[in-house]
Amino acid sequence: GAVFLALHLLSVNVNRAISTKITYFIF
């Protein structure tokens, strides 16, 4: 459970970082 939680949080943070940079550029 701890490993999959860590993978999930990693995925969320990577997605957030990429999406944020793209959205700022679009705006």
mmCIF file of all heavy atoms, coordinates in Angstrom:
data_MODEL
# 
_entry.id   MODEL 
# 
loop_
_atom_site.group_PDB 
_atom_site.id 
_atom_site.type_symbol 
_atom_site.label_atom_id 
_atom_site.label_alt_id 
_atom_site.label_comp_id 
_atom_site.label_asym_id 
_atom_site.label_entity_id 
_atom_site.label_seq_id 
_atom_site.pdbx_PDB_ins_code 
_atom_site.Cartn_x 
_atom_site.Cartn_y 
_atom_site.Cartn_z 
_atom_site.occupancy 
_atom_site.B_iso_or_equiv 
_atom_site.pdbx_formal_charge 
_atom_site.auth_seq_id 
_atom_site.auth_comp_id 
_atom_site.auth_asym_id 
_atom_site.auth_atom_id 
_atom_site.pdbx_PDB_model_num 
ATOM 1   N N   . GLY A 1 1  ? 0.821  -1.207 0.000   1.00 0.00 ? 1  GLY A N   1 
ATOM 2   C CA  . GLY A 1 1  ? 0.000  0.000  0.000   1.00 0.00 ? 1  GLY A CA  1 
ATOM 3   C C   . GLY A 1 1  ? 0.855  1.256  0.000   1.00 0.00 ? 1  GLY A C   1 
ATOM 4   O O   . GLY A 1 1  ? 0.549  2.230  -0.712  1.00 0.00 ? 1  GLY A O   1 
ATOM 5   N N   . ALA A 1 2  ? 1.936  1.240  0.790   1.00 0.00 ? 2  ALA A N   1 
ATOM 6   C CA  . ALA A 1 2  ? 2.816  2.402  0.872   1.00 0.00 ? 2  ALA A CA  1 
ATOM 7   C C   . ALA A 1 2  ? 3.524  2.660  -0.452  1.00 0.00 ? 2  ALA A C   1 
ATOM 8   O O   . ALA A 1 2  ? 3.671  3.812  -0.885  1.00 0.00 ? 2  ALA A O   1 
ATOM 9   C CB  . ALA A 1 2  ? 3.840  2.201  1.988   1.00 0.00 ? 2  ALA A CB  1 
ATOM 10  N N   . VAL A 1 3  ? 3.934  1.598  -1.119  1.00 0.00 ? 3  VAL A N   1 
ATOM 11  C CA  . VAL A 1 3  ? 4.628  1.747  -2.401  1.00 0.00 ? 3  VAL A CA  1 
ATOM 12  C C   . VAL A 1 3  ? 3.697  2.333  -3.448  1.00 0.00 ? 3  VAL A C   1 
ATOM 13  O O   . VAL A 1 3  ? 4.056  3.263  -4.189  1.00 0.00 ? 3  VAL A O   1 
ATOM 14  C CB  . VAL A 1 3  ? 5.194  0.399  -2.882  1.00 0.00 ? 3  VAL A CB  1 
ATOM 15  C CG1 . VAL A 1 3  ? 5.642  0.491  -4.339  1.00 0.00 ? 3  VAL A CG1 1 
ATOM 16  C CG2 . VAL A 1 3  ? 6.367  -0.020 -2.004  1.00 0.00 ? 3  VAL A CG2 1 
ATOM 17  N N   . PHE A 1 4  ? 2.479  1.804  -3.520  1.00 0.00 ? 4  PHE A N   1 
ATOM 18  C CA  . PHE A 1 4  ? 1.544  2.321  -4.521  1.00 0.00 ? 4  PHE A CA  1 
ATOM 19  C C   . PHE A 1 4  ? 1.111  3.752  -4.204  1.00 0.00 ? 4  PHE A C   1 
ATOM 20  O O   . PHE A 1 4  ? 0.842  4.540  -5.115  1.00 0.00 ? 4  PHE A O   1 
ATOM 21  C CB  . PHE A 1 4  ? 0.335  1.391  -4.653  1.00 0.00 ? 4  PHE A CB  1 
ATOM 22  C CG  . PHE A 1 4  ? 0.585  0.231  -5.566  1.00 0.00 ? 4  PHE A CG  1 
ATOM 23  C CD1 . PHE A 1 4  ? 0.941  -1.008 -5.054  1.00 0.00 ? 4  PHE A CD1 1 
ATOM 24  C CD2 . PHE A 1 4  ? 0.501  0.384  -6.943  1.00 0.00 ? 4  PHE A CD2 1 
ATOM 25  C CE1 . PHE A 1 4  ? 1.187  -2.072 -5.904  1.00 0.00 ? 4  PHE A CE1 1 
ATOM 26  C CE2 . PHE A 1 4  ? 0.739  -0.671 -7.799  1.00 0.00 ? 4  PHE A CE2 1 
ATOM 27  C CZ  . PHE A 1 4  ? 1.085  -1.914 -7.281  1.00 0.00 ? 4  PHE A CZ  1 
ATOM 28  N N   . LEU A 1 5  ? 1.044  4.098  -2.922  1.00 0.00 ? 5  LEU A N   1 
ATOM 29  C CA  . LEU A 1 5  ? 0.766  5.478  -2.548  1.00 0.00 ? 5  LEU A CA  1 
ATOM 30  C C   . LEU A 1 5  ? 1.891  6.398  -3.032  1.00 0.00 ? 5  LEU A C   1 
ATOM 31  O O   . LEU A 1 5  ? 1.631  7.479  -3.594  1.00 0.00 ? 5  LEU A O   1 
ATOM 32  C CB  . LEU A 1 5  ? 0.611  5.610  -1.031  1.00 0.00 ? 5  LEU A CB  1 
ATOM 33  C CG  . LEU A 1 5  ? 0.457  7.043  -0.489  1.00 0.00 ? 5  LEU A CG  1 
ATOM 34  C CD1 . LEU A 1 5  ? -0.780 7.722  -1.083  1.00 0.00 ? 5  LEU A CD1 1 
ATOM 35  C CD2 . LEU A 1 5  ? 0.406  7.030  1.030   1.00 0.00 ? 5  LEU A CD2 1 
ATOM 36  N N   . ALA A 1 6  ? 3.130  5.967  -2.843  1.00 0.00 ? 6  ALA A N   1 
ATOM 37  C CA  . ALA A 1 6  ? 4.271  6.763  -3.285  1.00 0.00 ? 6  ALA A CA  1 
ATOM 38  C C   . ALA A 1 6  ? 4.263  6.943  -4.795  1.00 0.00 ? 6  ALA A C   1 
ATOM 39  O O   . ALA A 1 6  ? 4.517  8.043  -5.310  1.00 0.00 ? 6  ALA A O   1 
ATOM 40  C CB  . ALA A 1 6  ? 5.572  6.102  -2.836  1.00 0.00 ? 6  ALA A CB  1 
ATOM 41  N N   . LEU A 1 7  ? 3.928  5.881  -5.531  1.00 0.00 ? 7  LEU A N   1 
ATOM 42  C CA  . LEU A 1 7  ? 3.866  5.977  -6.997  1.00 0.00 ? 7  LEU A CA  1 
ATOM 43  C C   . LEU A 1 7  ? 2.747  6.915  -7.443  1.00 0.00 ? 7  LEU A C   1 
ATOM 44  O O   . LEU A 1 7  ? 2.896  7.682  -8.401  1.00 0.00 ? 7  LEU A O   1 
ATOM 45  C CB  . LEU A 1 7  ? 3.667  4.589  -7.598  1.00 0.00 ? 7  LEU A CB  1 
ATOM 46  C CG  . LEU A 1 7  ? 4.846  3.625  -7.469  1.00 0.00 ? 7  LEU A CG  1 
ATOM 47  C CD1 . LEU A 1 7  ? 4.452  2.235  -7.959  1.00 0.00 ? 7  LEU A CD1 1 
ATOM 48  C CD2 . LEU A 1 7  ? 6.053  4.150  -8.245  1.00 0.00 ? 7  LEU A CD2 1 
ATOM 49  N N   . HIS A 1 8  ? 1.619  6.822  -6.735  1.00 0.00 ? 8  HIS A N   1 
ATOM 50  C CA  . HIS A 1 8  ? 0.499  7.702  -7.061  1.00 0.00 ? 8  HIS A CA  1 
ATOM 51  C C   . HIS A 1 8  ? 0.876  9.166  -6.843  1.00 0.00 ? 8  HIS A C   1 
ATOM 52  O O   . HIS A 1 8  ? 0.620  10.026 -7.708  1.00 0.00 ? 8  HIS A O   1 
ATOM 53  C CB  . HIS A 1 8  ? -0.710 7.342  -6.205  1.00 0.00 ? 8  HIS A CB  1 
ATOM 54  C CG  . HIS A 1 8  ? -1.827 8.339  -6.285  1.00 0.00 ? 8  HIS A CG  1 
ATOM 55  N ND1 . HIS A 1 8  ? -2.631 8.479  -7.397  1.00 0.00 ? 8  HIS A ND1 1 
ATOM 56  C CD2 . HIS A 1 8  ? -2.268 9.274  -5.385  1.00 0.00 ? 8  HIS A CD2 1 
ATOM 57  C CE1 . HIS A 1 8  ? -3.516 9.431  -7.194  1.00 0.00 ? 8  HIS A CE1 1 
ATOM 58  N NE2 . HIS A 1 8  ? -3.317 9.928  -5.981  1.00 0.00 ? 8  HIS A NE2 1 
ATOM 59  N N   . LEU A 1 9  ? 1.487  9.469  -5.705  1.00 0.00 ? 9  LEU A N   1 
ATOM 60  C CA  . LEU A 1 9  ? 1.876  10.845 -5.406  1.00 0.00 ? 9  LEU A CA  1 
ATOM 61  C C   . LEU A 1 9  ? 2.916  11.358 -6.396  1.00 0.00 ? 9  LEU A C   1 
ATOM 62  O O   . LEU A 1 9  ? 2.882  12.532 -6.795  1.00 0.00 ? 9  LEU A O   1 
ATOM 63  C CB  . LEU A 1 9  ? 2.400  10.941 -3.973  1.00 0.00 ? 9  LEU A CB  1 
ATOM 64  C CG  . LEU A 1 9  ? 1.373  10.693 -2.873  1.00 0.00 ? 9  LEU A CG  1 
ATOM 65  C CD1 . LEU A 1 9  ? 2.043  10.726 -1.503  1.00 0.00 ? 9  LEU A CD1 1 
ATOM 66  C CD2 . LEU A 1 9  ? 0.257  11.718 -2.942  1.00 0.00 ? 9  LEU A CD2 1 
ATOM 67  N N   . LEU A 1 10 ? 3.825  10.474 -6.801  1.00 0.00 ? 10 LEU A N   1 
ATOM 68  C CA  . LEU A 1 10 ? 4.811  10.857 -7.808  1.00 0.00 ? 10 LEU A CA  1 
ATOM 69  C C   . LEU A 1 10 ? 4.127  11.217 -9.119  1.00 0.00 ? 10 LEU A C   1 
ATOM 70  O O   . LEU A 1 10 ? 4.428  12.243 -9.743  1.00 0.00 ? 10 LEU A O   1 
ATOM 71  C CB  . LEU A 1 10 ? 5.801  9.720  -8.023  1.00 0.00 ? 10 LEU A CB  1 
ATOM 72  C CG  . LEU A 1 10 ? 6.851  9.936  -9.134  1.00 0.00 ? 10 LEU A CG  1 
ATOM 73  C CD1 . LEU A 1 10 ? 7.739  11.139 -8.793  1.00 0.00 ? 10 LEU A CD1 1 
ATOM 74  C CD2 . LEU A 1 10 ? 7.688  8.678  -9.322  1.00 0.00 ? 10 LEU A CD2 1 
ATOM 75  N N   . SER A 1 11 ? 3.171  10.383 -9.534  1.00 0.00 ? 11 SER A N   1 
ATOM 76  C CA  . SER A 1 11 ? 2.435  10.641 -10.773 1.00 0.00 ? 11 SER A CA  1 
ATOM 77  C C   . SER A 1 11 ? 1.669  11.951 -10.702 1.00 0.00 ? 11 SER A C   1 
ATOM 78  O O   . SER A 1 11 ? 1.664  12.751 -11.659 1.00 0.00 ? 11 SER A O   1 
ATOM 79  C CB  . SER A 1 11 ? 1.471  9.483  -11.046 1.00 0.00 ? 11 SER A CB  1 
ATOM 80  O OG  . SER A 1 11 ? 0.643  9.754  -12.154 1.00 0.00 ? 11 SER A OG  1 
ATOM 81  N N   . VAL A 1 12 ? 1.006  12.199 -9.564  1.00 0.00 ? 12 VAL A N   1 
ATOM 82  C CA  . VAL A 1 12 ? 0.240  13.435 -9.386  1.00 0.00 ? 12 VAL A CA  1 
ATOM 83  C C   . VAL A 1 12 ? 1.144  14.658 -9.482  1.00 0.00 ? 12 VAL A C   1 
ATOM 84  O O   . VAL A 1 12 ? 0.828  15.646 -10.159 1.00 0.00 ? 12 VAL A O   1 
ATOM 85  C CB  . VAL A 1 12 ? -0.503 13.421 -8.039  1.00 0.00 ? 12 VAL A CB  1 
ATOM 86  C CG1 . VAL A 1 12 ? -1.072 14.805 -7.714  1.00 0.00 ? 12 VAL A CG1 1 
ATOM 87  C CG2 . VAL A 1 12 ? -1.612 12.385 -8.060  1.00 0.00 ? 12 VAL A CG2 1 
ATOM 88  N N   . ASN A 1 13 ? 2.288  14.601 -8.806  1.00 0.00 ? 13 ASN A N   1 
ATOM 89  C CA  . ASN A 1 13 ? 3.182  15.756 -8.788  1.00 0.00 ? 13 ASN A CA  1 
ATOM 90  C C   . ASN A 1 13 ? 3.805  16.030 -10.151 1.00 0.00 ? 13 ASN A C   1 
ATOM 91  O O   . ASN A 1 13 ? 3.963  17.190 -10.545 1.00 0.00 ? 13 ASN A O   1 
ATOM 92  C CB  . ASN A 1 13 ? 4.272  15.551 -7.737  1.00 0.00 ? 13 ASN A CB  1 
ATOM 93  C CG  . ASN A 1 13 ? 3.746  15.709 -6.322  1.00 0.00 ? 13 ASN A CG  1 
ATOM 94  O OD1 . ASN A 1 13 ? 2.796  16.441 -6.084  1.00 0.00 ? 13 ASN A OD1 1 
ATOM 95  N ND2 . ASN A 1 13 ? 4.352  15.008 -5.378  1.00 0.00 ? 13 ASN A ND2 1 
ATOM 96  N N   . VAL A 1 14 ? 4.151  14.971 -10.870 1.00 0.00 ? 14 VAL A N   1 
ATOM 97  C CA  . VAL A 1 14 ? 4.710  15.150 -12.212 1.00 0.00 ? 14 VAL A CA  1 
ATOM 98  C C   . VAL A 1 14 ? 3.653  15.741 -13.141 1.00 0.00 ? 14 VAL A C   1 
ATOM 99  O O   . VAL A 1 14 ? 3.916  16.684 -13.892 1.00 0.00 ? 14 VAL A O   1 
ATOM 100 C CB  . VAL A 1 14 ? 5.234  13.814 -12.768 1.00 0.00 ? 14 VAL A CB  1 
ATOM 101 C CG1 . VAL A 1 14 ? 5.574  13.942 -14.254 1.00 0.00 ? 14 VAL A CG1 1 
ATOM 102 C CG2 . VAL A 1 14 ? 6.469  13.366 -11.994 1.00 0.00 ? 14 VAL A CG2 1 
ATOM 103 N N   . ASN A 1 15 ? 2.427  15.187 -13.073 1.00 0.00 ? 15 ASN A N   1 
ATOM 104 C CA  . ASN A 1 15 ? 1.343  15.695 -13.894 1.00 0.00 ? 15 ASN A CA  1 
ATOM 105 C C   . ASN A 1 15 ? 1.049  17.161 -13.578 1.00 0.00 ? 15 ASN A C   1 
ATOM 106 O O   . ASN A 1 15 ? 0.844  17.983 -14.482 1.00 0.00 ? 15 ASN A O   1 
ATOM 107 C CB  . ASN A 1 15 ? 0.087  14.856 -13.671 1.00 0.00 ? 15 ASN A CB  1 
ATOM 108 C CG  . ASN A 1 15 ? -1.146 15.480 -14.302 1.00 0.00 ? 15 ASN A CG  1 
ATOM 109 O OD1 . ASN A 1 15 ? -1.294 15.503 -15.517 1.00 0.00 ? 15 ASN A OD1 1 
ATOM 110 N ND2 . ASN A 1 15 ? -2.041 15.989 -13.465 1.00 0.00 ? 15 ASN A ND2 1 
ATOM 111 N N   . ARG A 1 16 ? 1.030  17.496 -12.296 1.00 0.00 ? 16 ARG A N   1 
ATOM 112 C CA  . ARG A 1 16 ? 0.753  18.876 -11.893 1.00 0.00 ? 16 ARG A CA  1 
ATOM 113 C C   . ARG A 1 16 ? 1.821  19.826 -12.424 1.00 0.00 ? 16 ARG A C   1 
ATOM 114 O O   . ARG A 1 16 ? 1.494  20.914 -12.934 1.00 0.00 ? 16 ARG A O   1 
ATOM 115 C CB  . ARG A 1 16 ? 0.694  18.967 -10.380 1.00 0.00 ? 16 ARG A CB  1 
ATOM 116 C CG  . ARG A 1 16 ? 0.368  20.370 -9.854  1.00 0.00 ? 16 ARG A CG  1 
ATOM 117 C CD  . ARG A 1 16 ? 0.576  20.442 -8.361  1.00 0.00 ? 16 ARG A CD  1 
ATOM 118 N NE  . ARG A 1 16 ? 1.995  20.307 -8.033  1.00 0.00 ? 16 ARG A NE  1 
ATOM 119 C CZ  . ARG A 1 16 ? 2.450  19.892 -6.862  1.00 0.00 ? 16 ARG A CZ  1 
ATOM 120 N NH1 . ARG A 1 16 ? 1.604  19.533 -5.911  1.00 0.00 ? 16 ARG A NH1 1 
ATOM 121 N NH2 . ARG A 1 16 ? 3.741  19.803 -6.642  1.00 0.00 ? 16 ARG A NH2 1 
ATOM 122 N N   . ALA A 1 17 ? 3.077  19.436 -12.312 1.00 0.00 ? 17 ALA A N   1 
ATOM 123 C CA  . ALA A 1 17 ? 4.166  20.301 -12.768 1.00 0.00 ? 17 ALA A CA  1 
ATOM 124 C C   . ALA A 1 17 ? 4.071  20.570 -14.267 1.00 0.00 ? 17 ALA A C   1 
ATOM 125 O O   . ALA A 1 17 ? 4.215  21.719 -14.722 1.00 0.00 ? 17 ALA A O   1 
ATOM 126 C CB  . ALA A 1 17 ? 5.514  19.666 -12.430 1.00 0.00 ? 17 ALA A CB  1 
ATOM 127 N N   . ILE A 1 18 ? 3.809  19.523 -15.050 1.00 0.00 ? 18 ILE A N   1 
ATOM 128 C CA  . ILE A 1 18 ? 3.711  19.675 -16.502 1.00 0.00 ? 18 ILE A CA  1 
ATOM 129 C C   . ILE A 1 18 ? 2.474  20.482 -16.877 1.00 0.00 ? 18 ILE A C   1 
ATOM 130 O O   . ILE A 1 18 ? 2.536  21.416 -17.683 1.00 0.00 ? 18 ILE A O   1 
ATOM 131 C CB  . ILE A 1 18 ? 3.692  18.297 -17.185 1.00 0.00 ? 18 ILE A CB  1 
ATOM 132 C CG1 . ILE A 1 18 ? 5.033  17.578 -16.967 1.00 0.00 ? 18 ILE A CG1 1 
ATOM 133 C CG2 . ILE A 1 18 ? 3.404  18.434 -18.675 1.00 0.00 ? 18 ILE A CG2 1 
ATOM 134 C CD1 . ILE A 1 18 ? 5.035  16.140 -17.425 1.00 0.00 ? 18 ILE A CD1 1 
ATOM 135 N N   . SER A 1 19 ? 1.328  20.121 -16.281 1.00 0.00 ? 19 SER A N   1 
ATOM 136 C CA  . SER A 1 19 ? 0.072  20.816 -16.601 1.00 0.00 ? 19 SER A CA  1 
ATOM 137 C C   . SER A 1 19 ? 0.138  22.291 -16.238 1.00 0.00 ? 19 SER A C   1 
ATOM 138 O O   . SER A 1 19 ? -0.393 23.149 -16.957 1.00 0.00 ? 19 SER A O   1 
ATOM 139 C CB  . SER A 1 19 ? -1.098 20.159 -15.859 1.00 0.00 ? 19 SER A CB  1 
ATOM 140 O OG  . SER A 1 19 ? -1.275 18.828 -16.264 1.00 0.00 ? 19 SER A OG  1 
ATOM 141 N N   . THR A 1 20 ? 0.782  22.609 -15.120 1.00 0.00 ? 20 THR A N   1 
ATOM 142 C CA  . THR A 1 20 ? 0.884  23.994 -14.680 1.00 0.00 ? 20 THR A CA  1 
ATOM 143 C C   . THR A 1 20 ? 1.702  24.827 -15.660 1.00 0.00 ? 20 THR A C   1 
ATOM 144 O O   . THR A 1 20 ? 1.310  25.936 -16.047 1.00 0.00 ? 20 THR A O   1 
ATOM 145 C CB  . THR A 1 20 ? 1.494  24.073 -13.271 1.00 0.00 ? 20 THR A CB  1 
ATOM 146 O OG1 . THR A 1 20 ? 0.623  23.402 -12.347 1.00 0.00 ? 20 THR A OG1 1 
ATOM 147 C CG2 . THR A 1 20 ? 1.680  25.517 -12.824 1.00 0.00 ? 20 THR A CG2 1 
ATOM 148 N N   . LYS A 1 21 ? 2.825  24.310 -16.089 1.00 0.00 ? 21 LYS A N   1 
ATOM 149 C CA  . LYS A 1 21 ? 3.664  25.048 -17.047 1.00 0.00 ? 21 LYS A CA  1 
ATOM 150 C C   . LYS A 1 21 ? 2.928  25.258 -18.367 1.00 0.00 ? 21 LYS A C   1 
ATOM 151 O O   . LYS A 1 21 ? 2.955  26.355 -18.948 1.00 0.00 ? 21 LYS A O   1 
ATOM 152 C CB  . LYS A 1 21 ? 4.977  24.299 -17.279 1.00 0.00 ? 21 LYS A CB  1 
ATOM 153 C CG  . LYS A 1 21 ? 5.936  24.354 -16.108 1.00 0.00 ? 21 LYS A CG  1 
ATOM 154 C CD  . LYS A 1 21 ? 7.247  23.701 -16.433 1.00 0.00 ? 21 LYS A CD  1 
ATOM 155 C CE  . LYS A 1 21 ? 8.220  23.795 -15.264 1.00 0.00 ? 21 LYS A CE  1 
ATOM 156 N NZ  . LYS A 1 21 ? 8.592  25.204 -14.956 1.00 0.00 ? 21 LYS A NZ  1 
ATOM 157 N N   . ILE A 1 22 ? 2.240  24.218 -18.852 1.00 0.00 ? 22 ILE A N   1 
ATOM 158 C CA  . ILE A 1 22 ? 1.503  24.346 -20.118 1.00 0.00 ? 22 ILE A CA  1 
ATOM 159 C C   . ILE A 1 22 ? 0.369  25.347 -19.980 1.00 0.00 ? 22 ILE A C   1 
ATOM 160 O O   . ILE A 1 22 ? 0.143  26.188 -20.863 1.00 0.00 ? 22 ILE A O   1 
ATOM 161 C CB  . ILE A 1 22 ? 0.976  22.967 -20.561 1.00 0.00 ? 22 ILE A CB  1 
ATOM 162 C CG1 . ILE A 1 22 ? 2.135  22.048 -20.939 1.00 0.00 ? 22 ILE A CG1 1 
ATOM 163 C CG2 . ILE A 1 22 ? 0.014  23.116 -21.739 1.00 0.00 ? 22 ILE A CG2 1 
ATOM 164 C CD1 . ILE A 1 22 ? 1.722  20.619 -21.230 1.00 0.00 ? 22 ILE A CD1 1 
ATOM 165 N N   . THR A 1 23 ? -0.373 25.292 -18.869 1.00 0.00 ? 23 THR A N   1 
ATOM 166 C CA  . THR A 1 23 ? -1.514 26.190 -18.682 1.00 0.00 ? 23 THR A CA  1 
ATOM 167 C C   . THR A 1 23 ? -1.067 27.643 -18.565 1.00 0.00 ? 23 THR A C   1 
ATOM 168 O O   . THR A 1 23 ? -1.705 28.543 -19.139 1.00 0.00 ? 23 THR A O   1 
ATOM 169 C CB  . THR A 1 23 ? -2.323 25.783 -17.436 1.00 0.00 ? 23 THR A CB  1 
ATOM 170 O OG1 . THR A 1 23 ? -2.767 24.430 -17.587 1.00 0.00 ? 23 THR A OG1 1 
ATOM 171 C CG2 . THR A 1 23 ? -3.533 26.680 -17.267 1.00 0.00 ? 23 THR A CG2 1 
ATOM 172 N N   . TYR A 1 24 ? 0.011  27.884 -17.841 1.00 0.00 ? 24 TYR A N   1 
ATOM 173 C CA  . TYR A 1 24 ? 0.529  29.258 -17.756 1.00 0.00 ? 24 TYR A CA  1 
ATOM 174 C C   . TYR A 1 24 ? 0.879  29.788 -19.148 1.00 0.00 ? 24 TYR A C   1 
ATOM 175 O O   . TYR A 1 24 ? 0.602  30.957 -19.471 1.00 0.00 ? 24 TYR A O   1 
ATOM 176 C CB  . TYR A 1 24 ? 1.754  29.309 -16.849 1.00 0.00 ? 24 TYR A CB  1 
ATOM 177 C CG  . TYR A 1 24 ? 1.458  29.731 -15.429 1.00 0.00 ? 24 TYR A CG  1 
ATOM 178 C CD1 . TYR A 1 24 ? 1.081  28.803 -14.471 1.00 0.00 ? 24 TYR A CD1 1 
ATOM 179 C CD2 . TYR A 1 24 ? 1.557  31.071 -15.042 1.00 0.00 ? 24 TYR A CD2 1 
ATOM 180 C CE1 . TYR A 1 24 ? 0.805  29.186 -13.165 1.00 0.00 ? 24 TYR A CE1 1 
ATOM 181 C CE2 . TYR A 1 24 ? 1.289  31.472 -13.743 1.00 0.00 ? 24 TYR A CE2 1 
ATOM 182 C CZ  . TYR A 1 24 ? 0.912  30.529 -12.805 1.00 0.00 ? 24 TYR A CZ  1 
ATOM 183 O OH  . TYR A 1 24 ? 0.632  30.921 -11.522 1.00 0.00 ? 24 TYR A OH  1 
ATOM 184 N N   . PHE A 1 25 ? 1.470  28.932 -19.969 1.00 0.00 ? 25 PHE A N   1 
ATOM 185 C CA  . PHE A 1 25 ? 1.827  29.352 -21.328 1.00 0.00 ? 25 PHE A CA  1 
ATOM 186 C C   . PHE A 1 25 ? 0.577  29.626 -22.165 1.00 0.00 ? 25 PHE A C   1 
ATOM 187 O O   . PHE A 1 25 ? 0.507  30.636 -22.882 1.00 0.00 ? 25 PHE A O   1 
ATOM 188 C CB  . PHE A 1 25 ? 2.690  28.277 -21.988 1.00 0.00 ? 25 PHE A CB  1 
ATOM 189 C CG  . PHE A 1 25 ? 3.159  28.639 -23.372 1.00 0.00 ? 25 PHE A CG  1 
ATOM 190 C CD1 . PHE A 1 25 ? 3.990  29.724 -23.574 1.00 0.00 ? 25 PHE A CD1 1 
ATOM 191 C CD2 . PHE A 1 25 ? 2.747  27.901 -24.469 1.00 0.00 ? 25 PHE A CD2 1 
ATOM 192 C CE1 . PHE A 1 25 ? 4.420  30.072 -24.847 1.00 0.00 ? 25 PHE A CE1 1 
ATOM 193 C CE2 . PHE A 1 25 ? 3.168  28.236 -25.750 1.00 0.00 ? 25 PHE A CE2 1 
ATOM 194 C CZ  . PHE A 1 25 ? 4.004  29.335 -25.937 1.00 0.00 ? 25 PHE A CZ  1 
ATOM 195 N N   . ILE A 1 26 ? -0.415 28.758 -22.053 1.00 0.00 ? 26 ILE A N   1 
ATOM 196 C CA  . ILE A 1 26 ? -1.670 28.961 -22.784 1.00 0.00 ? 26 ILE A CA  1 
ATOM 197 C C   . ILE A 1 26 ? -2.352 30.255 -22.338 1.00 0.00 ? 26 ILE A C   1 
ATOM 198 O O   . ILE A 1 26 ? -2.830 31.048 -23.163 1.00 0.00 ? 26 ILE A O   1 
ATOM 199 C CB  . ILE A 1 26 ? -2.616 27.759 -22.579 1.00 0.00 ? 26 ILE A CB  1 
ATOM 200 C CG1 . ILE A 1 26 ? -2.063 26.521 -23.290 1.00 0.00 ? 26 ILE A CG1 1 
ATOM 201 C CG2 . ILE A 1 26 ? -4.022 28.078 -23.100 1.00 0.00 ? 26 ILE A CG2 1 
ATOM 202 C CD1 . ILE A 1 26 ? -2.818 25.248 -22.979 1.00 0.00 ? 26 ILE A CD1 1 
ATOM 203 N N   . PHE A 1 27 ? -2.402 30.490 -21.030 1.00 0.00 ? 27 PHE A N   1 
ATOM 204 C CA  . PHE A 1 27 ? -3.016 31.719 -20.522 1.00 0.00 ? 27 PHE A CA  1 
ATOM 205 C C   . PHE A 1 27 ? -2.261 32.957 -21.018 1.00 0.00 ? 27 PHE A C   1 
ATOM 206 O O   . PHE A 1 27 ? -2.869 33.986 -21.331 1.00 0.00 ? 27 PHE A O   1 
ATOM 207 C CB  . PHE A 1 27 ? -3.062 31.705 -19.003 1.00 0.00 ? 27 PHE A CB  1 
ATOM 208 C CG  . PHE A 1 27 ? -4.202 30.904 -18.420 1.00 0.00 ? 27 PHE A CG  1 
ATOM 209 C CD1 . PHE A 1 27 ? -4.870 29.966 -19.188 1.00 0.00 ? 27 PHE A CD1 1 
ATOM 210 C CD2 . PHE A 1 27 ? -4.605 31.087 -17.113 1.00 0.00 ? 27 PHE A CD2 1 
ATOM 211 C CE1 . PHE A 1 27 ? -5.925 29.226 -18.668 1.00 0.00 ? 27 PHE A CE1 1 
ATOM 212 C CE2 . PHE A 1 27 ? -5.661 30.361 -16.575 1.00 0.00 ? 27 PHE A CE2 1 
ATOM 213 C CZ  . PHE A 1 27 ? -6.316 29.431 -17.354 1.00 0.00 ? 27 PHE A CZ  1 
# 
